[in-house]
């Protein structure tokens, strides 16, 4: 997959930014291979009192919430927190998600959980003091050594795997991850920077939101979970945006759209004309076939029969890719 984007010629800026996106399918496949090799053996058939997911940052928090949506209704409580609960003990499973190789809080949490007999999993970076000093019984989920930043697909796949192994055969879970990885790679092919807006759904989305205030939303629990990952991820990468629950978005439309007289004048340029008012608004409605409201674009993927995890990770990958494209200025 990665080789198709690199032939030895110099990278352009879009290809450089797209690099981590191009690895998302491989990250999922790596989690599945780790399980096939017995990396998650201590979790198989476990029936914990609770699963505690310790996260820092809104993107990681959103990924954990997405897992919650994908597995609802849950067999055991899923506690998503930034602080280790005082009750953590031998009946609980701890999953720590961090991209900081020197995260001392994460290390203390893993040591505390280990001392109290908890099963612990680290979804962390490829290297750093944290990786070197974790307790020997902690399951360290591997990552691709060349990846530069957090992989939402890896985080979601890892937490999902932990939950699935409490009730499913590990070979079934591994086969599912292999299937999901292939589906994500199909999306990555469609999102290649070499493909233009007519055939690239990520570039189409990026161009559509250019020059607008953006609100992410979803008409379902899954759509809202994806929106809660996308808003901080886009903002972190320079596409400042926010998230609203769909009913809140509908109620807020008059205020969000503001004075529409200029927005619908085909000769009106909000950046060149006098008194442009507010920057125009657009919404992205995730995991829906139709947006259902004006000034909005729906994001859905084909093949729901491939499973909710595959569809969710495909949409996450598309949202990531949208932040990597350049927007060419159009001639007036």
Protein backbone atom coordinates (compact mmCIF):
# COMPACT_ATOMS: atom_id res chain seq x y z
CA UNK A 1 0.00 0.00 0.00
CA UNK A 2 2.65 2.54 0.99
CA UNK A 3 4.84 1.72 -2.02
CA UNK A 4 2.13 2.90 -4.40
CA UNK A 5 2.65 6.43 -3.12
CA UNK A 6 6.46 6.40 -3.35
CA UNK A 7 8.48 5.59 -6.43
CA UNK A 8 11.77 7.22 -5.43
CA UNK A 9 10.81 10.64 -6.77
CA UNK A 10 10.66 13.66 -4.46
CA UNK A 11 7.50 13.94 -2.36
CA UNK A 12 5.16 16.85 -2.90
CA UNK A 13 3.64 18.40 0.20
CA UNK A 14 0.32 16.59 -0.12
CA UNK A 15 2.05 13.21 -0.29
CA UNK A 16 4.12 14.04 2.79
CA UNK A 17 1.01 14.99 4.77
CA UNK A 18 -0.84 11.93 3.46
CA UNK A 19 1.84 9.51 4.67
CA UNK A 20 0.27 8.60 8.03
CA UNK A 21 -3.16 8.28 6.39
CA UNK A 22 -1.68 5.78 3.94
CA UNK A 23 -0.60 3.63 6.90
CA UNK A 24 -4.01 3.31 8.56
CA UNK A 25 -4.89 -0.04 6.97
CA UNK A 26 -1.45 -1.39 7.86
CA UNK A 27 -1.92 -0.25 11.47
CA UNK A 28 -5.13 -2.29 11.73
CA UNK A 29 -3.46 -5.30 10.13
CA UNK A 30 -0.58 -5.00 12.61
CA UNK A 31 -3.02 -5.23 15.54
CA UNK A 32 -4.56 -8.36 14.02
CA UNK A 33 -1.15 -9.95 13.46
CA UNK A 34 -0.15 -9.18 17.03
CA UNK A 35 -3.21 -11.03 18.27
CA UNK A 36 -2.55 -14.03 15.99
CA UNK A 37 0.92 -14.19 17.54
CA UNK A 38 -0.62 -14.43 21.02
CA UNK A 39 -0.05 -10.84 22.06
CA UNK A 40 -3.50 -10.54 23.65
CA UNK A 41 -3.60 -14.05 25.13
CA UNK A 42 -4.05 -12.79 28.70
CA UNK A 43 -7.39 -11.22 27.68
CA UNK A 44 -9.03 -14.23 26.06
CA UNK A 45 -12.23 -15.20 27.86
CA UNK A 46 -11.64 -12.70 30.65
CA UNK A 47 -14.79 -11.36 32.35
CA UNK A 48 -13.72 -8.09 33.95
CA UNK A 49 -15.70 -5.91 36.30
CA UNK A 50 -14.91 -2.90 34.10
CA UNK A 51 -12.67 -1.73 31.28
CA UNK A 52 -10.93 1.54 32.09
CA UNK A 53 -9.58 3.50 29.12
CA UNK A 54 -7.11 6.16 30.26
CA UNK A 55 -6.73 8.84 27.59
CA UNK A 56 -5.33 12.33 27.16
CA UNK A 57 -6.59 14.69 24.49
CA UNK A 58 -9.87 15.02 22.66
CA UNK A 59 -8.89 12.88 19.66
CA UNK A 60 -8.04 9.83 21.79
CA UNK A 61 -11.13 10.46 23.91
CA UNK A 62 -13.27 10.55 20.78
CA UNK A 63 -11.73 7.29 19.55
CA UNK A 64 -12.64 5.59 22.83
CA UNK A 65 -16.19 6.94 22.58
CA UNK A 66 -16.39 5.57 19.04
CA UNK A 67 -15.53 2.10 20.36
CA UNK A 68 -18.28 2.52 22.94
CA UNK A 69 -20.78 3.34 20.17
CA UNK A 70 -19.63 0.39 18.06
CA UNK A 71 -20.10 -2.09 20.93
CA UNK A 72 -23.32 -0.80 22.46
CA UNK A 73 -24.90 -2.31 24.46
CA UNK A 74 -21.73 -3.19 26.37
CA UNK A 75 -21.30 -6.38 28.40
CA UNK A 76 -19.32 -4.54 31.08
CA UNK A 77 -18.85 -0.87 32.02
CA UNK A 78 -16.45 1.07 29.81
CA UNK A 79 -14.93 3.92 31.81
CA UNK A 80 -13.22 6.59 29.71
CA UNK A 81 -11.17 8.89 31.90
CA UNK A 82 -8.08 11.09 32.10
CA UNK A 83 -7.36 10.01 35.71
CA UNK A 84 -6.86 6.48 36.99
CA UNK A 85 -9.87 5.50 39.16
CA UNK A 86 -9.05 4.76 42.78
CA UNK A 87 -10.95 1.47 42.65
CA UNK A 88 -8.75 -0.09 39.95
CA UNK A 89 -7.91 -3.65 40.93
CA UNK A 90 -7.57 -7.28 39.91
CA UNK A 91 -11.12 -7.41 38.52
CA UNK A 92 -10.51 -4.57 36.06
CA UNK A 93 -8.72 -4.13 32.74
CA UNK A 94 -6.80 -0.93 32.05
CA UNK A 95 -6.12 0.38 28.53
CA UNK A 96 -3.76 3.37 28.36
CA UNK A 97 -3.75 5.44 25.15
CA UNK A 98 -0.99 8.00 24.66
CA UNK A 99 1.25 9.30 21.87
CA UNK A 100 3.81 10.71 24.31
CA UNK A 101 6.85 8.45 24.70
CA UNK A 102 7.72 10.25 27.93
CA UNK A 103 4.22 10.20 29.48
CA UNK A 104 4.98 9.85 33.21
CA UNK A 105 1.29 9.85 34.20
CA UNK A 106 0.66 6.91 31.89
CA UNK A 107 3.64 5.04 33.31
CA UNK A 108 2.48 5.60 36.90
CA UNK A 109 -1.01 4.38 35.99
CA UNK A 110 0.37 1.20 34.41
CA UNK A 111 2.62 0.52 37.41
CA UNK A 112 -0.24 1.08 39.84
CA UNK A 113 -2.56 -1.19 37.89
CA UNK A 114 0.13 -3.87 37.73
CA UNK A 115 0.75 -3.69 41.48
CA UNK A 116 -2.99 -4.14 42.10
CA UNK A 117 -3.25 -7.15 39.83
CA UNK A 118 -5.06 -5.50 36.91
CA UNK A 119 -4.55 -6.61 33.34
CA UNK A 120 -3.08 -3.65 31.50
CA UNK A 121 -2.64 -2.71 27.83
CA UNK A 122 -0.62 0.16 26.40
CA UNK A 123 -1.54 1.71 23.04
CA UNK A 124 1.43 4.03 22.81
CA UNK A 125 4.20 5.31 20.55
CA UNK A 126 6.91 3.21 18.94
CA UNK A 127 9.69 4.29 21.31
CA UNK A 128 10.53 6.31 24.40
CA UNK A 129 11.06 5.92 28.14
CA UNK A 130 7.44 4.86 28.57
CA UNK A 131 7.90 1.83 26.31
CA UNK A 132 11.18 0.91 27.99
CA UNK A 133 9.87 1.09 31.57
CA UNK A 134 6.37 -0.43 31.42
CA UNK A 135 5.72 -3.40 33.70
CA UNK A 136 6.69 -6.72 32.14
CA UNK A 137 3.09 -7.99 32.27
CA UNK A 138 1.69 -5.01 30.36
CA UNK A 139 0.51 -5.83 26.84
CA UNK A 140 2.21 -3.30 24.54
CA UNK A 141 0.30 -3.01 21.26
CA UNK A 142 2.80 -2.53 18.40
CA UNK A 143 2.77 0.39 15.99
CA UNK A 144 4.51 0.98 12.70
CA UNK A 145 7.93 2.50 13.46
CA UNK A 146 7.69 4.94 10.55
CA UNK A 147 4.35 6.45 11.63
CA UNK A 148 4.78 10.04 12.79
CA UNK A 149 1.57 10.72 14.70
CA UNK A 150 -1.41 9.12 16.40
CA UNK A 151 -3.33 6.58 14.34
CA UNK A 152 -7.07 6.79 15.10
CA UNK A 153 -7.60 3.47 13.30
CA UNK A 154 -5.00 1.77 15.53
CA UNK A 155 -6.55 3.20 18.69
CA UNK A 156 -10.07 2.14 17.73
CA UNK A 157 -8.97 -1.30 16.51
CA UNK A 158 -6.93 -1.94 19.67
CA UNK A 159 -9.69 -1.02 22.15
CA UNK A 160 -12.26 -2.90 20.05
CA UNK A 161 -10.05 -5.99 20.09
CA UNK A 162 -9.75 -5.87 23.88
CA UNK A 163 -13.54 -5.82 24.24
CA UNK A 164 -14.17 -8.45 21.55
CA UNK A 165 -11.77 -10.95 23.14
CA UNK A 166 -13.92 -11.15 26.27
CA UNK A 167 -16.58 -12.99 24.27
CA UNK A 168 -15.23 -14.07 20.87
CA UNK A 169 -12.73 -16.56 19.54
CA UNK A 170 -9.40 -14.80 18.85
CA UNK A 171 -9.20 -16.27 15.35
CA UNK A 172 -12.57 -14.71 14.49
CA UNK A 173 -11.42 -11.36 15.84
CA UNK A 174 -8.15 -11.58 13.89
CA UNK A 175 -9.99 -12.46 10.68
CA UNK A 176 -12.28 -9.48 11.18
CA UNK A 177 -9.32 -7.13 11.59
CA UNK A 178 -7.76 -8.49 8.40
CA UNK A 179 -11.03 -7.84 6.59
CA UNK A 180 -11.28 -4.34 8.07
CA UNK A 181 -7.68 -3.55 7.08
CA UNK A 182 -8.44 -4.47 3.47
CA UNK A 183 -11.53 -2.30 3.47
CA UNK A 184 -9.58 0.67 4.89
CA UNK A 185 -6.94 0.16 2.21
CA UNK A 186 -9.64 0.36 -0.47
CA UNK A 187 -10.58 3.76 0.93
CA UNK A 188 -6.94 4.85 1.00
CA UNK A 189 -6.62 4.00 -2.68
CA UNK A 190 -9.62 6.23 -3.42
CA UNK A 191 -8.11 9.02 -1.29
CA UNK A 192 -4.71 9.07 -3.00
CA UNK A 193 -3.39 12.62 -3.49
CA UNK A 194 -2.95 11.69 -7.14
CA UNK A 195 -6.74 11.53 -7.58
CA UNK A 196 -8.70 14.70 -8.27
CA UNK A 197 -11.94 15.94 -6.73
CA UNK A 198 -14.16 14.06 -9.19
CA UNK A 199 -13.00 10.65 -7.93
CA UNK A 200 -11.57 11.47 -4.50
CA UNK A 201 -14.21 11.82 -1.74
CA UNK A 202 -11.69 13.28 0.70
CA UNK A 203 -10.57 16.01 -1.68
CA UNK A 204 -14.19 16.76 -2.54
CA UNK A 205 -14.93 17.24 1.16
CA UNK A 206 -11.85 19.42 1.69
CA UNK A 207 -12.71 21.71 -1.20
CA UNK A 208 -16.34 21.94 -0.12
CA UNK A 209 -15.54 23.25 3.37
CA UNK A 210 -12.83 25.70 2.25
CA UNK A 211 -13.46 29.22 3.52
CA UNK A 212 -16.30 28.18 5.85
CA UNK A 213 -16.98 27.71 9.53
CA UNK A 214 -17.43 23.96 9.93
CA UNK A 215 -19.65 21.99 12.31
CA UNK A 216 -19.37 18.19 12.47
CA UNK A 217 -22.44 16.18 13.43
CA UNK A 218 -24.17 12.83 12.95
CA UNK A 219 -27.74 11.62 12.88
CA UNK A 220 -26.91 8.42 14.79
CA UNK A 221 -24.81 7.48 17.79
CA UNK A 222 -22.13 6.17 15.43
CA UNK A 223 -22.19 9.33 13.32
CA UNK A 224 -21.87 11.52 16.40
CA UNK A 225 -18.97 9.41 17.66
CA UNK A 226 -17.14 9.94 14.36
CA UNK A 227 -17.94 13.68 14.51
CA UNK A 228 -16.39 13.85 17.97
CA UNK A 229 -13.13 12.50 16.55
CA UNK A 230 -13.21 14.67 13.46
CA UNK A 231 -13.75 18.07 15.11
CA UNK A 232 -10.57 18.03 17.27
CA UNK A 233 -8.57 16.22 14.57
CA UNK A 234 -9.44 18.86 11.97
CA UNK A 235 -8.81 21.69 14.42
CA UNK A 236 -5.43 20.25 15.38
CA UNK A 237 -4.46 20.24 11.71
CA UNK A 238 -5.58 23.79 11.01
CA UNK A 239 -9.17 23.27 9.85
CA UNK A 240 -10.86 24.91 12.83
CA UNK A 241 -14.20 23.23 13.45
CA UNK A 242 -16.61 22.21 16.18
CA UNK A 243 -19.17 19.52 16.88
CA UNK A 244 -22.90 19.65 17.63
CA UNK A 245 -25.47 16.96 18.28
CA UNK A 246 -27.76 16.73 15.25
CA UNK A 247 -30.92 18.04 17.00
CA UNK A 248 -28.83 20.93 18.39
CA UNK A 249 -27.49 21.60 14.90
CA UNK A 250 -30.99 21.78 13.44
CA UNK A 251 -32.16 24.21 16.14
CA UNK A 252 -29.01 26.32 15.73
CA UNK A 253 -29.20 26.62 11.93
CA UNK A 254 -30.66 30.17 11.83
CA UNK A 255 -27.84 31.50 14.01
CA UNK A 256 -25.17 29.46 12.25
CA UNK A 257 -26.25 30.52 8.78
CA UNK A 258 -26.61 34.18 9.79
CA UNK A 259 -27.55 36.68 7.10
CA UNK A 260 -27.80 34.51 4.01
CA UNK A 261 -28.43 37.31 1.52
CA UNK A 262 -24.74 37.48 0.60
CA UNK A 263 -24.11 33.76 0.74
CA UNK A 264 -26.64 33.04 -2.02
CA UNK A 265 -25.65 35.90 -4.31
CA UNK A 266 -23.58 34.27 -7.04
CA UNK A 267 -21.58 37.50 -7.48
CA UNK A 268 -20.83 37.87 -3.75
CA UNK A 269 -17.30 37.13 -2.52
CA UNK A 270 -17.16 37.01 1.31
CA UNK A 271 -13.46 37.88 1.30
CA UNK A 272 -13.40 40.68 -1.29
CA UNK A 273 -16.75 42.46 -1.04
CA UNK A 274 -17.48 45.15 1.53
CA UNK A 275 -19.18 44.24 4.81
CA UNK A 276 -19.02 40.49 4.27
CA UNK A 277 -20.59 39.73 7.67
CA UNK A 278 -19.69 36.39 9.21
CA UNK A 279 -17.67 33.69 7.49
CA UNK A 280 -20.22 31.36 5.83
CA UNK A 281 -21.18 28.12 7.52
CA UNK A 282 -21.20 24.50 6.42
CA UNK A 283 -21.84 21.23 8.25
CA UNK A 284 -20.52 17.71 7.75
CA UNK A 285 -22.99 14.99 8.77
CA UNK A 286 -21.17 11.70 9.32
CA UNK A 287 -22.46 8.16 8.65
CA UNK A 288 -25.55 9.38 6.79
CA UNK A 289 -26.68 9.07 3.17
CA UNK A 290 -28.30 12.51 3.16
CA UNK A 291 -27.55 15.54 5.35
CA UNK A 292 -31.20 16.50 5.85
CA UNK A 293 -30.39 20.20 6.31
CA UNK A 294 -29.17 23.04 4.05
CA UNK A 295 -25.49 23.98 3.80
CA UNK A 296 -24.46 20.46 4.78
CA UNK A 297 -22.75 17.46 3.18
CA UNK A 298 -23.31 13.86 4.25
CA UNK A 299 -20.43 11.39 4.49
CA UNK A 300 -21.22 7.71 4.06
CA UNK A 301 -19.38 4.72 2.61
CA UNK A 302 -20.56 1.83 0.49
CA UNK A 303 -20.90 -1.69 1.75
CA UNK A 304 -22.49 -1.54 5.23
CA UNK A 305 -22.57 -5.35 5.10
CA UNK A 306 -18.80 -5.25 5.62
CA UNK A 307 -19.46 -4.36 9.25
CA UNK A 308 -19.72 -1.25 11.43
CA UNK A 309 -16.04 -1.26 12.43
CA UNK A 310 -14.93 -1.30 8.79
CA UNK A 311 -17.35 1.49 7.85
CA UNK A 312 -16.36 3.62 10.83
CA UNK A 313 -12.63 3.29 10.15
CA UNK A 314 -13.15 4.05 6.48
CA UNK A 315 -14.93 7.29 7.38
CA UNK A 316 -12.25 8.17 9.93
CA UNK A 317 -9.61 7.68 7.27
CA UNK A 318 -11.52 9.89 4.84
CA UNK A 319 -11.82 12.63 7.45
CA UNK A 320 -8.08 12.45 8.16
CA UNK A 321 -7.24 12.58 4.48
CA UNK A 322 -9.31 15.73 4.01
CA UNK A 323 -6.84 17.61 6.22
CA UNK A 324 -3.89 16.70 3.98
CA UNK A 325 -4.97 18.24 0.68
CA UNK A 326 -4.04 21.68 -0.63
CA UNK A 327 -6.77 23.94 -1.95
CA UNK A 328 -5.87 25.72 -5.15
CA UNK A 329 -7.04 29.29 -5.53
CA UNK A 330 -9.49 29.62 -8.39
CA UNK A 331 -9.07 32.37 -10.93
CA UNK A 332 -11.62 35.14 -10.68
